[in-house]
Amino acid sequence: MADFICNIKKYRQLKELTQEQLAEKVGVRRETIMRLEAGKYNPSLKLAVDISRVLETPIEDCFNFNGC
């Protein structure tokens, strides 16, 4: 299985967004953002794209799937 690295916490904080605010903007629960930031949840492609758009950061910077 490929390693998954999630950098959204860094970019979320740069945008001064809380987990709750980001979750609301992309249509998920805060727990989903919390699990993503902890690397315990792999996002769907749609969710990854939505998050990268809200954070105005390339998807490759937000998420890194080593070995894919």
Foldseek 3Di string as FASTA:
>chain_A
DWQKAFDLVVLCVVVVHDLCRLCVQLVHHSVVSVCVNVSNDDDDPSSLVSSCVVSVHPSCVGMPGPPD
